[in-house]
Protein backbone atom coordinates (compact mmCIF):
# COMPACT_ATOMS: atom_id res chain seq x y z
CA MET A 1 18.15 117.64 175.38
CA GLU A 2 15.22 118.55 173.19
CA THR A 3 12.43 120.96 174.14
CA ILE A 4 9.34 121.04 171.93
CA ILE A 5 6.56 123.55 172.52
CA GLU A 6 3.23 123.10 170.79
CA GLU A 7 0.29 125.44 171.26
CA GLN A 8 -3.26 124.20 170.81
CA GLY A 9 -5.59 127.09 171.45
CA LYS A 10 -5.15 128.12 175.08
CA VAL A 11 -3.06 125.05 175.93
CA ALA A 12 0.70 124.78 175.52
CA ILE A 13 2.34 121.36 175.60
CA VAL A 14 6.04 121.37 176.47
CA THR A 15 7.71 118.06 175.66
CA LEU A 16 11.06 117.45 177.34
CA LYS A 17 13.25 114.75 175.79
CA GLY A 18 16.57 113.49 177.08
CA ARG A 19 18.55 114.64 180.09
CA LEU A 20 17.91 118.11 181.47
CA GLU A 21 21.36 118.76 182.86
CA THR A 22 22.65 122.09 184.15
CA THR A 23 24.44 122.70 180.84
CA GLU A 24 21.12 122.63 178.92
CA SER A 25 19.13 124.64 181.45
CA ALA A 26 19.70 128.08 179.92
CA GLU A 27 18.46 126.96 176.51
CA VAL A 28 15.39 125.24 177.98
CA GLN A 29 14.66 128.27 180.18
CA GLU A 30 14.83 130.57 177.17
CA LYS A 31 12.29 128.47 175.26
CA ILE A 32 9.89 128.11 178.20
CA THR A 33 10.09 131.81 179.05
CA THR A 34 8.28 132.53 175.77
CA LEU A 35 5.12 131.17 177.44
CA TYR A 36 5.14 133.68 180.29
CA GLU A 37 3.34 136.44 178.41
CA LYS A 38 0.82 134.23 176.62
CA ASP A 39 -2.83 133.98 177.58
CA LEU A 40 -3.02 130.26 178.33
CA GLU A 41 -5.35 128.15 180.44
CA GLN A 42 -2.91 125.26 180.79
CA VAL A 43 0.75 124.50 180.32
CA ILE A 44 1.35 120.76 180.17
CA ILE A 45 4.89 119.52 180.75
CA ASP A 46 5.15 116.11 179.08
CA CYS A 47 7.92 114.12 180.77
CA LYS A 48 7.43 110.83 178.92
CA ASP A 49 10.88 111.02 177.33
CA LEU A 50 12.63 112.91 180.13
CA GLU A 51 15.45 110.66 181.38
CA TYR A 52 16.87 112.95 184.08
CA ILE A 53 16.33 116.41 185.52
CA ALA A 54 18.92 118.37 187.51
CA SER A 55 17.99 120.85 190.22
CA SER A 56 18.36 123.63 187.65
CA GLY A 57 15.60 121.95 185.64
CA LEU A 58 13.34 121.88 188.68
CA ARG A 59 14.03 125.59 189.07
CA ILE A 60 12.82 126.16 185.49
CA LEU A 61 9.56 124.36 186.26
CA PHE A 62 9.12 126.31 189.49
CA LEU A 63 9.71 129.64 187.72
CA LEU A 64 7.16 128.64 185.08
CA LEU A 65 4.63 127.84 187.80
CA ARG A 66 5.36 131.12 189.58
CA ALA A 67 4.84 133.09 186.35
CA MET A 68 1.66 131.30 185.26
CA LYS A 69 -0.27 130.62 188.45
CA PRO A 70 -1.13 134.29 189.23
CA LYS A 71 -2.74 134.48 185.76
CA GLY A 72 -4.91 131.44 186.54
CA THR A 73 -2.93 129.13 184.26
CA ASP A 74 -2.60 125.54 185.43
CA VAL A 75 0.83 123.93 185.10
CA ILE A 76 0.40 120.18 184.75
CA ILE A 77 3.10 117.51 184.79
CA ARG A 78 2.17 114.66 182.45
CA ASN A 79 3.74 111.18 182.22
CA ASN A 80 5.62 111.56 185.48
CA SER A 81 8.25 108.82 185.92
CA ASP A 82 9.09 107.21 189.27
CA MET A 83 12.41 109.10 189.25
CA LEU A 84 10.70 112.43 188.71
CA LYS A 85 7.98 111.69 191.28
CA SER A 86 10.62 110.84 193.86
CA LEU A 87 12.48 114.07 193.09
CA PHE A 88 9.31 116.15 193.35
CA ASP A 89 8.45 114.46 196.66
CA SER A 90 11.90 114.95 198.16
CA THR A 91 12.07 118.64 197.21
CA GLY A 92 8.54 119.40 198.41
CA PHE A 93 7.36 120.37 194.90
CA THR A 94 4.61 117.71 194.70
CA PRO A 95 1.85 119.84 196.31
CA LEU A 96 2.66 122.79 194.03
CA PHE A 97 1.93 121.09 190.71
CA LYS A 98 -0.94 119.16 189.17
CA PHE A 99 -0.15 115.72 187.77
CA GLU A 100 -1.74 113.59 185.03
């Protein structure tokens, strides 16, 4: 699992590559938590190379949304695969996030 965070002005792009299994969740969470205190307009989660996400990975995305939304920061899921869309739909997360 690889997590790449790039900041471009007030936009952070988080690229997730590989399989976000429970064993990798703590490391990914630690990296994403660094965005919580930043003054951002958008956080884009790029899922183009995300092969799988466990429920612990969904929790990370939800916690990110919960931390950023009160500050007016949009959390956007980009390059959503059919697998991820199905998972978001079945867990009820679809209405919470913006998708590109």
